[in-house]
């Protein structure tokens, strides 16, 4: 089961010419077309770190500032933390 089956909203804000935008684009490419996730992408020209907001089915909200120091694996670990907790609660 995909992480995005637990995500209701995905909001991205990034500058496409900034190096931190690659992680946002990678996460966006992981959303399957069949997912019921609402996606909101905002492109900016400002030189800012990328921002990502995920809202989960249980009402939890995860705000992430995607910096150059953040690698793909740690970003995915943070994103999948809440769905793993939801799976555990569903199995109990």
PDB file of N, CA and C in Angstrom:
ATOM      1  N   UNK A   1       0.848  -1.178   0.000  1.00  0.00           N
ATOM      2  CA  UNK A   1       0.000   0.000   0.000  1.00  0.00           C
ATOM      3  C   UNK A   1       0.897   1.246   0.000  1.00  0.00           C
ATOM      4  N   UNK A   2       0.541   2.196  -0.777  1.00  0.00           N
ATOM      5  CA  UNK A   2       1.327   3.417  -0.938  1.00  0.00           C
ATOM      6  C   UNK A   2       1.169   4.352   0.257  1.00  0.00           C
ATOM      7  N   UNK A   3       2.194   5.133   0.502  1.00  0.00           N
ATOM      8  CA  UNK A   3       2.145   6.160   1.549  1.00  0.00           C
ATOM      9  C   UNK A   3       1.000   7.125   1.257  1.00  0.00           C
ATOM     10  N   UNK A   4       0.768   7.403  -0.011  1.00  0.00           N
ATOM     11  CA  UNK A   4      -0.202   8.425  -0.390  1.00  0.00           C
ATOM     12  C   UNK A   4      -1.650   7.959  -0.270  1.00  0.00           C
ATOM     13  N   UNK A   5      -1.867   6.702   0.096  1.00  0.00           N
ATOM     14  CA  UNK A   5      -3.240   6.291   0.395  1.00  0.00           C
ATOM     15  C   UNK A   5      -3.673   6.846   1.750  1.00  0.00           C
ATOM     16  N   UNK A   6      -2.721   7.316   2.560  1.00  0.00           N
ATOM     17  CA  UNK A   6      -3.020   7.921   3.859  1.00  0.00           C
ATOM     18  C   UNK A   6      -2.948   9.448   3.826  1.00  0.00           C
ATOM     19  N   UNK A   7      -2.469  10.026   2.728  1.00  0.00           N
ATOM     20  CA  UNK A   7      -2.310  11.478   2.612  1.00  0.00           C
ATOM     21  C   UNK A   7      -3.520  12.056   1.889  1.00  0.00           C
ATOM     22  N   UNK A   8      -4.181  13.034   2.520  1.00  0.00           N
ATOM     23  CA  UNK A   8      -5.338  13.657   1.871  1.00  0.00           C
ATOM     24  C   UNK A   8      -4.933  14.892   1.074  1.00  0.00           C
ATOM     25  N   UNK A   9      -3.966  15.664   1.575  1.00  0.00           N
ATOM     26  CA  UNK A   9      -3.512  16.880   0.890  1.00  0.00           C
ATOM     27  C   UNK A   9      -1.992  16.918   0.860  1.00  0.00           C
ATOM     28  N   UNK A  10      -1.451  17.347  -0.256  1.00  0.00           N
ATOM     29  CA  UNK A  10      -0.014  17.552  -0.412  1.00  0.00           C
ATOM     30  C   UNK A  10       0.176  18.946  -0.984  1.00  0.00           C
ATOM     31  N   UNK A  11       0.844  19.812  -0.231  1.00  0.00           N
ATOM     32  CA  UNK A  11       1.090  21.182  -0.686  1.00  0.00           C
ATOM     33  C   UNK A  11       2.590  21.386  -0.818  1.00  0.00           C
ATOM     34  N   UNK A  12       3.005  21.870  -1.971  1.00  0.00           N
ATOM     35  CA  UNK A  12       4.417  22.101  -2.247  1.00  0.00           C
ATOM     36  C   UNK A  12       4.635  23.551  -2.637  1.00  0.00           C
ATOM     37  N   UNK A  13       5.716  24.124  -2.149  1.00  0.00           N
ATOM     38  CA  UNK A  13       6.142  25.467  -2.539  1.00  0.00           C
ATOM     39  C   UNK A  13       7.631  25.383  -2.819  1.00  0.00           C
ATOM     40  N   UNK A  14       8.028  25.677  -4.048  1.00  0.00           N
ATOM     41  CA  UNK A  14       9.455  25.608  -4.362  1.00  0.00           C
ATOM     42  C   UNK A  14       9.811  26.500  -5.541  1.00  0.00           C
ATOM     43  N   UNK A  15      11.087  26.825  -5.596  1.00  0.00           N
ATOM     44  CA  UNK A  15      11.677  27.531  -6.720  1.00  0.00           C
ATOM     45  C   UNK A  15      12.308  26.451  -7.599  1.00  0.00           C
ATOM     46  N   UNK A  16      11.882  26.286  -8.835  1.00  0.00           N
ATOM     47  CA  UNK A  16      12.394  25.190  -9.658  1.00  0.00           C
ATOM     48  C   UNK A  16      13.887  25.285  -9.961  1.00  0.00           C
ATOM     49  N   UNK A  17      14.467  26.458  -9.750  1.00  0.00           N
ATOM     50  CA  UNK A  17      15.886  26.623 -10.030  1.00  0.00           C
ATOM     51  C   UNK A  17      16.750  26.470  -8.786  1.00  0.00           C
ATOM     52  N   UNK A  18      16.120  26.222  -7.655  1.00  0.00           N
ATOM     53  CA  UNK A  18      16.850  26.025  -6.400  1.00  0.00           C
ATOM     54  C   UNK A  18      17.135  24.533  -6.246  1.00  0.00           C
ATOM     55  N   UNK A  19      18.269  24.200  -5.672  1.00  0.00           N
ATOM     56  CA  UNK A  19      18.660  22.787  -5.582  1.00  0.00           C
ATOM     57  C   UNK A  19      17.731  21.958  -4.698  1.00  0.00           C
ATOM     58  N   UNK A  20      17.072  22.576  -3.732  1.00  0.00           N
ATOM     59  CA  UNK A  20      16.183  21.812  -2.846  1.00  0.00           C
ATOM     60  C   UNK A  20      14.869  21.423  -3.527  1.00  0.00           C
ATOM     61  N   UNK A  21      14.599  21.964  -4.701  1.00  0.00           N
ATOM     62  CA  UNK A  21      13.337  21.642  -5.385  1.00  0.00           C
ATOM     63  C   UNK A  21      13.329  20.219  -5.939  1.00  0.00           C
ATOM     64  N   UNK A  22      14.491  19.626  -6.100  1.00  0.00           N
ATOM     65  CA  UNK A  22      14.556  18.271  -6.648  1.00  0.00           C
ATOM     66  C   UNK A  22      13.817  17.279  -5.752  1.00  0.00           C
ATOM     67  N   UNK A  23      13.968  17.423  -4.445  1.00  0.00           N
ATOM     68  CA  UNK A  23      13.270  16.523  -3.525  1.00  0.00           C
ATOM     69  C   UNK A  23      11.755  16.678  -3.637  1.00  0.00           C
ATOM     70  N   UNK A  24      11.292  17.907  -3.780  1.00  0.00           N
ATOM     71  CA  UNK A  24       9.849  18.144  -3.932  1.00  0.00           C
ATOM     72  C   UNK A  24       9.331  17.515  -5.216  1.00  0.00           C
ATOM     73  N   UNK A  25      10.072  17.662  -6.284  1.00  0.00           N
ATOM     74  CA  UNK A  25       9.650  17.071  -7.557  1.00  0.00           C
ATOM     75  C   UNK A  25       9.653  15.542  -7.479  1.00  0.00           C
ATOM     76  N   UNK A  26      10.626  14.983  -6.755  1.00  0.00           N
ATOM     77  CA  UNK A  26      10.667  13.527  -6.590  1.00  0.00           C
ATOM     78  C   UNK A  26       9.460  13.021  -5.813  1.00  0.00           C
ATOM     79  N   UNK A  27       9.107  13.717  -4.733  1.00  0.00           N
ATOM     80  CA  UNK A  27       7.940  13.315  -3.942  1.00  0.00           C
ATOM     81  C   UNK A  27       6.671  13.452  -4.780  1.00  0.00           C
ATOM     82  N   UNK A  28       6.580  14.517  -5.545  1.00  0.00           N
ATOM     83  CA  UNK A  28       5.416  14.725  -6.409  1.00  0.00           C
ATOM     84  C   UNK A  28       5.284  13.599  -7.441  1.00  0.00           C
ATOM     85  N   UNK A  29       6.395  13.120  -7.947  1.00  0.00           N
ATOM     86  CA  UNK A  29       6.346  12.043  -8.938  1.00  0.00           C
ATOM     87  C   UNK A  29       5.915  10.713  -8.327  1.00  0.00           C
ATOM     88  N   UNK A  30       5.986  10.585  -7.004  1.00  0.00           N
ATOM     89  CA  UNK A  30       5.577   9.346  -6.338  1.00  0.00           C
ATOM     90  C   UNK A  30       4.067   9.238  -6.138  1.00  0.00           C
ATOM     91  N   UNK A  31       3.349  10.344  -6.291  1.00  0.00           N
ATOM     92  CA  UNK A  31       1.893  10.316  -6.099  1.00  0.00           C
ATOM     93  C   UNK A  31       1.263   9.610  -7.298  1.00  0.00           C
ATOM     94  N   UNK A  32       0.622   8.457  -7.061  1.00  0.00           N
ATOM     95  CA  UNK A  32       0.020   7.741  -8.195  1.00  0.00           C
ATOM     96  C   UNK A  32      -1.229   8.469  -8.703  1.00  0.00           C
ATOM     97  N   UNK A  33      -1.513   8.370  -9.988  1.00  0.00           N
ATOM     98  CA  UNK A  33      -2.698   9.037 -10.538  1.00  0.00           C
ATOM     99  C   UNK A  33      -4.000   8.555  -9.904  1.00  0.00           C
ATOM    100  N   UNK A  34      -4.007   7.340  -9.399  1.00  0.00           N
ATOM    101  CA  UNK A  34      -5.230   6.791  -8.805  1.00  0.00           C
ATOM    102  C   UNK A  34      -5.433   7.225  -7.354  1.00  0.00           C
ATOM    103  N   UNK A  35      -4.456   7.916  -6.771  1.00  0.00           N
ATOM    104  CA  UNK A  35      -4.565   8.338  -5.368  1.00  0.00           C
ATOM    105  C   UNK A  35      -5.598   9.449  -5.225  1.00  0.00           C
ATOM    106  N   UNK A  36      -6.251   9.457  -4.081  1.00  0.00           N
ATOM    107  CA  UNK A  36      -7.248  10.504  -3.819  1.00  0.00           C
ATOM    108  C   UNK A  36      -6.610  11.723  -3.160  1.00  0.00           C
ATOM    109  N   UNK A  37      -5.307  11.840  -3.256  1.00  0.00           N
ATOM    110  CA  UNK A  37      -4.569  12.946  -2.664  1.00  0.00           C
ATOM    111  C   UNK A  37      -4.777  14.213  -3.479  1.00  0.00           C
ATOM    112  N   UNK A  38      -5.147  15.290  -2.794  1.00  0.00           N
ATOM    113  CA  UNK A  38      -5.278  16.591  -3.449  1.00  0.00           C
ATOM    114  C   UNK A  38      -3.899  17.241  -3.452  1.00  0.00           C
ATOM    115  N   UNK A  39      -3.424  17.647  -4.617  1.00  0.00           N
ATOM    116  CA  UNK A  39      -2.079  18.200  -4.762  1.00  0.00           C
ATOM    117  C   UNK A  39      -2.178  19.681  -5.106  1.00  0.00           C
ATOM    118  N   UNK A  40      -1.404  20.492  -4.387  1.00  0.00           N
ATOM    119  CA  UNK A  40      -1.358  21.933  -4.613  1.00  0.00           C
ATOM    120  C   UNK A  40       0.113  22.316  -4.752  1.00  0.00           C
ATOM    121  N   UNK A  41       0.520  22.739  -5.942  1.00  0.00           N
ATOM    122  CA  UNK A  41       1.913  23.096  -6.202  1.00  0.00           C
ATOM    123  C   UNK A  41       1.994  24.590  -6.468  1.00  0.00           C
ATOM    124  N   UNK A  42       2.840  25.272  -5.714  1.00  0.00           N
ATOM    125  CA  UNK A  42       3.079  26.702  -5.922  1.00  0.00           C
ATOM    126  C   UNK A  42       4.538  26.896  -6.308  1.00  0.00           C
ATOM    127  N   UNK A  43       4.743  27.574  -7.415  1.00  0.00           N
ATOM    128  CA  UNK A  43       6.085  27.865  -7.902  1.00  0.00           C
ATOM    129  C   UNK A  43       6.396  29.315  -7.556  1.00  0.00           C
ATOM    130  N   UNK A  44       7.608  29.547  -7.064  1.00  0.00           N
ATOM    131  CA  UNK A  44       8.005  30.900  -6.701  1.00  0.00           C
ATOM    132  C   UNK A  44       9.355  31.228  -7.328  1.00  0.00           C
ATOM    133  N   UNK A  45       9.617  32.505  -7.496  1.00  0.00           N
ATOM    134  CA  UNK A  45      10.914  32.948  -8.004  1.00  0.00           C
ATOM    135  C   UNK A  45      11.850  33.347  -6.871  1.00  0.00           C
ATOM    136  N   UNK A  46      11.287  33.425  -5.660  1.00  0.00           N
ATOM    137  CA  UNK A  46      12.112  33.824  -4.520  1.00  0.00           C
ATOM    138  C   UNK A  46      13.142  32.751  -4.208  1.00  0.00           C
ATOM    139  N   UNK A  47      14.268  33.171  -3.689  1.00  0.00           N
ATOM    140  CA  UNK A  47      15.321  32.228  -3.316  1.00  0.00           C
ATOM    141  C   UNK A  47      15.071  31.752  -1.887  1.00  0.00           C
ATOM    142  N   UNK A  48      14.163  30.802  -1.753  1.00  0.00           N
ATOM    143  CA  UNK A  48      13.799  30.269  -0.440  1.00  0.00           C
ATOM    144  C   UNK A  48      13.949  28.754  -0.467  1.00  0.00           C
ATOM    145  N   UNK A  49      14.026  28.168   0.729  1.00  0.00           N
ATOM    146  CA  UNK A  49      14.011  26.715   0.814  1.00  0.00           C
ATOM    147  C   UNK A  49      12.622  26.218   0.438  1.00  0.00           C
ATOM    148  N   UNK A  50      12.572  25.042  -0.100  1.00  0.00           N
ATOM    149  CA  UNK A  50      11.291  24.449  -0.483  1.00  0.00           C
ATOM    150  C   UNK A  50      10.507  24.066   0.762  1.00  0.00           C
ATOM    151  N   UNK A  51       9.195  24.118   0.639  1.00  0.00           N
ATOM    152  CA  UNK A  51       8.326  23.755   1.754  1.00  0.00           C
ATOM    153  C   UNK A  51       7.344  22.694   1.286  1.00  0.00           C
ATOM    154  N   UNK A  52       7.049  21.767   2.199  1.00  0.00           N
ATOM    155  CA  UNK A  52       6.141  20.680   1.904  1.00  0.00           C
ATOM    156  C   UNK A  52       5.205  20.504   3.097  1.00  0.00           C
ATOM    157  N   UNK A  53       3.909  20.433   2.832  1.00  0.00           N
ATOM    158  CA  UNK A  53       2.912  20.216   3.883  1.00  0.00           C
ATOM    159  C   UNK A  53       2.090  18.995   3.489  1.00  0.00           C
ATOM    160  N   UNK A  54       2.040  18.017   4.388  1.00  0.00           N
ATOM    161  CA  UNK A  54       1.237  16.817   4.164  1.00  0.00           C
ATOM    162  C   UNK A  54       0.167  16.753   5.232  1.00  0.00           C
ATOM    163  N   UNK A  55      -1.064  16.508   4.812  1.00  0.00           N
ATOM    164  CA  UNK A  55      -2.174  16.330   5.745  1.00  0.00           C
ATOM    165  C   UNK A  55      -2.658  14.892   5.603  1.00  0.00           C
ATOM    166  N   UNK A  56      -2.725  14.194   6.733  1.00  0.00           N
ATOM    167  CA  UNK A  56      -3.076  12.779   6.745  1.00  0.00           C
ATOM    168  C   UNK A  56      -4.545  12.576   7.070  1.00  0.00           C
ATOM    169  N   UNK A  57      -5.045  11.363   6.836  1.00  0.00           N
ATOM    170  CA  UNK A  57      -6.455  11.034   7.058  1.00  0.00           C
ATOM    171  C   UNK A  57      -6.887  11.233   8.502  1.00  0.00           C
ATOM    172  N   UNK A  58      -5.983  11.022   9.446  1.00  0.00           N
ATOM    173  CA  UNK A  58      -6.355  11.155  10.856  1.00  0.00           C
ATOM    174  C   UNK A  58      -6.295  12.597  11.340  1.00  0.00           C
ATOM    175  N   UNK A  59      -6.063  13.547  10.443  1.00  0.00           N
ATOM    176  CA  UNK A  59      -6.045  14.955  10.806  1.00  0.00           C
ATOM    177  C   UNK A  59      -4.674  15.495  11.149  1.00  0.00           C
ATOM    178  N   UNK A  60      -3.675  14.619  11.222  1.00  0.00           N
ATOM    179  CA  UNK A  60      -2.331  15.099  11.512  1.00  0.00           C
ATOM    180  C   UNK A  60      -1.782  15.866  10.319  1.00  0.00           C
ATOM    181  N   UNK A  61      -0.930  16.835  10.627  1.00  0.00           N
ATOM    182  CA  UNK A  61      -0.346  17.692   9.602  1.00  0.00           C
ATOM    183  C   UNK A  61       1.166  17.688   9.794  1.00  0.00           C
ATOM    184  N   UNK A  62       1.901  17.520   8.719  1.00  0.00           N
ATOM    185  CA  UNK A  62       3.355  17.489   8.764  1.00  0.00           C
ATOM    186  C   UNK A  62       3.881  18.634   7.907  1.00  0.00           C
ATOM    187  N   UNK A  63       4.528  19.606   8.547  1.00  0.00           N
ATOM    188  CA  UNK A  63       5.151  20.731   7.842  1.00  0.00           C
ATOM    189  C   UNK A  63       6.643  20.461   7.746  1.00  0.00           C
ATOM    190  N   UNK A  64       7.168  20.461   6.548  1.00  0.00           N
ATOM    191  CA  UNK A  64       8.589  20.216   6.340  1.00  0.00           C
ATOM    192  C   UNK A  64       9.204  21.361   5.559  1.00  0.00           C
ATOM    193  N   UNK A  65      10.366  21.778   6.000  1.00  0.00           N
ATOM    194  CA  UNK A  65      11.150  22.719   5.209  1.00  0.00           C
ATOM    195  C   UNK A  65      12.267  21.908   4.574  1.00  0.00           C
ATOM    196  N   UNK A  66      12.240  21.823   3.273  1.00  0.00           N
ATOM    197  CA  UNK A  66      13.195  21.002   2.543  1.00  0.00           C
ATOM    198  C   UNK A  66      14.422  21.855   2.252  1.00  0.00           C
ATOM    199  N   UNK A  67      15.512  21.528   2.914  1.00  0.00           N
ATOM    200  CA  UNK A  67      16.754  22.278   2.749  1.00  0.00           C
ATOM    201  C   UNK A  67      17.738  21.467   1.915  1.00  0.00           C
ATOM    202  N   UNK A  68      18.848  22.082   1.595  1.00  0.00           N
ATOM    203  CA  UNK A  68      19.886  21.392   0.832  1.00  0.00           C
ATOM    204  C   UNK A  68      20.524  20.270   1.648  1.00  0.00           C
ATOM    205  N   UNK A  69      20.483  20.383   2.975  1.00  0.00           N
ATOM    206  CA  UNK A  69      21.115  19.386   3.846  1.00  0.00           C
ATOM    207  C   UNK A  69      20.297  18.103   3.946  1.00  0.00           C
ATOM    208  N   UNK A  70      19.027  18.162   3.600  1.00  0.00           N
ATOM    209  CA  UNK A  70      18.129  17.023   3.742  1.00  0.00           C
ATOM    210  C   UNK A  70      18.317  16.069   2.570  1.00  0.00           C
ATOM    211  N   UNK A  71      18.509  14.795   2.874  1.00  0.00           N
ATOM    212  CA  UNK A  71      18.635  13.830   1.788  1.00  0.00           C
ATOM    213  C   UNK A  71      17.305  13.099   1.578  1.00  0.00           C
ATOM    214  N   UNK A  72      17.215  12.380   0.484  1.00  0.00           N
ATOM    215  CA  UNK A  72      15.965  11.740   0.074  1.00  0.00           C
ATOM    216  C   UNK A  72      15.472  10.730   1.108  1.00  0.00           C
ATOM    217  N   UNK A  73      16.386   9.929   1.657  1.00  0.00           N
ATOM    218  CA  UNK A  73      15.987   8.870   2.591  1.00  0.00           C
ATOM    219  C   UNK A  73      15.435   9.431   3.890  1.00  0.00           C
ATOM    220  N   UNK A  74      16.045  10.469   4.416  1.00  0.00           N
ATOM    221  CA  UNK A  74      15.527  11.051   5.662  1.00  0.00           C
ATOM    222  C   UNK A  74      14.187  11.753   5.417  1.00  0.00           C
ATOM    223  N   UNK A  75      14.008  12.349   4.244  1.00  0.00           N
ATOM    224  CA  UNK A  75      12.723  12.963   3.904  1.00  0.00           C
ATOM    225  C   UNK A  75      11.625  11.902   3.830  1.00  0.00           C
ATOM    226  N   UNK A  76      11.896  10.801   3.158  1.00  0.00           N
ATOM    227  CA  UNK A  76      10.905   9.734   3.043  1.00  0.00           C
ATOM    228  C   UNK A  76      10.628   9.087   4.395  1.00  0.00           C
ATOM    229  N   UNK A  77      11.624   9.006   5.255  1.00  0.00           N
ATOM    230  CA  UNK A  77      11.427   8.465   6.601  1.00  0.00           C
ATOM    231  C   UNK A  77      10.459   9.345   7.386  1.00  0.00           C
ATOM    232  N   UNK A  78      10.615  10.657   7.273  1.00  0.00           N
ATOM    233  CA  UNK A  78       9.719  11.584   7.972  1.00  0.00           C
ATOM    234  C   UNK A  78       8.301  11.512   7.412  1.00  0.00           C
ATOM    235  N   UNK A  79       8.184  11.417   6.098  1.00  0.00           N
ATOM    236  CA  UNK A  79       6.869  11.364   5.466  1.00  0.00           C
ATOM    237  C   UNK A  79       6.138  10.071   5.832  1.00  0.00           C
ATOM    238  N   UNK A  80       6.848   8.954   5.879  1.00  0.00           N
ATOM    239  CA  UNK A  80       6.197   7.661   6.115  1.00  0.00           C
ATOM    240  C   UNK A  80       5.985   7.352   7.588  1.00  0.00           C
ATOM    241  N   UNK A  81       6.482   8.179   8.475  1.00  0.00           N
ATOM    242  CA  UNK A  81       6.339   7.927   9.911  1.00  0.00           C
ATOM    243  C   UNK A  81       4.865   7.875  10.330  1.00  0.00           C
ATOM    244  N   UNK A  82       4.074   8.841   9.936  1.00  0.00           N
ATOM    245  CA  UNK A  82       2.659   8.893  10.319  1.00  0.00           C
ATOM    246  C   UNK A  82       1.846   7.759   9.684  1.00  0.00           C
ATOM    247  N   UNK A  83       1.993   7.439   8.389  1.00  0.00           N
ATOM    248  CA  UNK A  83       1.238   6.307   7.842  1.00  0.00           C
ATOM    249  C   UNK A  83       1.567   4.984   8.534  1.00  0.00           C
ATOM    250  N   UNK A  84       2.809   4.802   8.947  1.00  0.00           N
ATOM    251  CA  UNK A  84       3.161   3.576   9.651  1.00  0.00           C
ATOM    252  C   UNK A  84       2.444   3.499  10.988  1.00  0.00           C
ATOM    253  N   UNK A  85       2.289   4.628  11.672  1.00  0.00           N
ATOM    254  CA  UNK A  85       1.538   4.659  12.924  1.00  0.00           C
ATOM    255  C   UNK A  85       0.059   4.354  12.665  1.00  0.00           C
ATOM    256  N   UNK A  86      -0.476   4.865  11.552  1.00  0.00           N
ATOM    257  CA  UNK A  86      -1.877   4.598  11.204  1.00  0.00           C
ATOM    258  C   UNK A  86      -2.102   3.119  10.886  1.00  0.00           C
ATOM    259  N   UNK A  87      -1.156   2.501  10.168  1.00  0.00           N
ATOM    260  CA  UNK A  87      -1.265   1.080   9.848  1.00  0.00           C
ATOM    261  C   UNK A  87      -1.285   0.254  11.124  1.00  0.00           C
ATOM    262  N   UNK A  88      -0.448   0.627  12.088  1.00  0.00           N
ATOM    263  CA  UNK A  88      -0.381  -0.093  13.356  1.00  0.00           C
ATOM    264  C   UNK A  88      -1.712   0.003  14.100  1.00  0.00           C
ATOM    265  N   UNK A  89      -2.315   1.197  14.116  1.00  0.00           N
ATOM    266  CA  UNK A  89      -3.601   1.378  14.794  1.00  0.00           C
ATOM    267  C   UNK A  89      -4.709   0.596  14.098  1.00  0.00           C
ATOM    268  N   UNK A  90      -4.659   0.522  12.759  1.00  0.00           N
ATOM    269  CA  UNK A  90      -5.682  -0.213  12.015  1.00  0.00           C
ATOM    270  C   UNK A  90      -5.587  -1.713  12.271  1.00  0.00           C
ATOM    271  N   UNK A  91      -4.369  -2.205  12.486  1.00  0.00           N
ATOM    272  CA  UNK A  91      -4.188  -3.642  12.682  1.00  0.00           C
ATOM    273  C   UNK A  91      -4.569  -4.093  14.088  1.00  0.00           C
ATOM    274  N   UNK A  92      -4.636  -3.151  15.033  1.00  0.00           N
ATOM    275  CA  UNK A  92      -4.962  -3.511  16.428  1.00  0.00           C
ATOM    276  C   UNK A  92      -6.433  -3.718  16.606  1.00  0.00           C
TER     277      UNK A  92
END
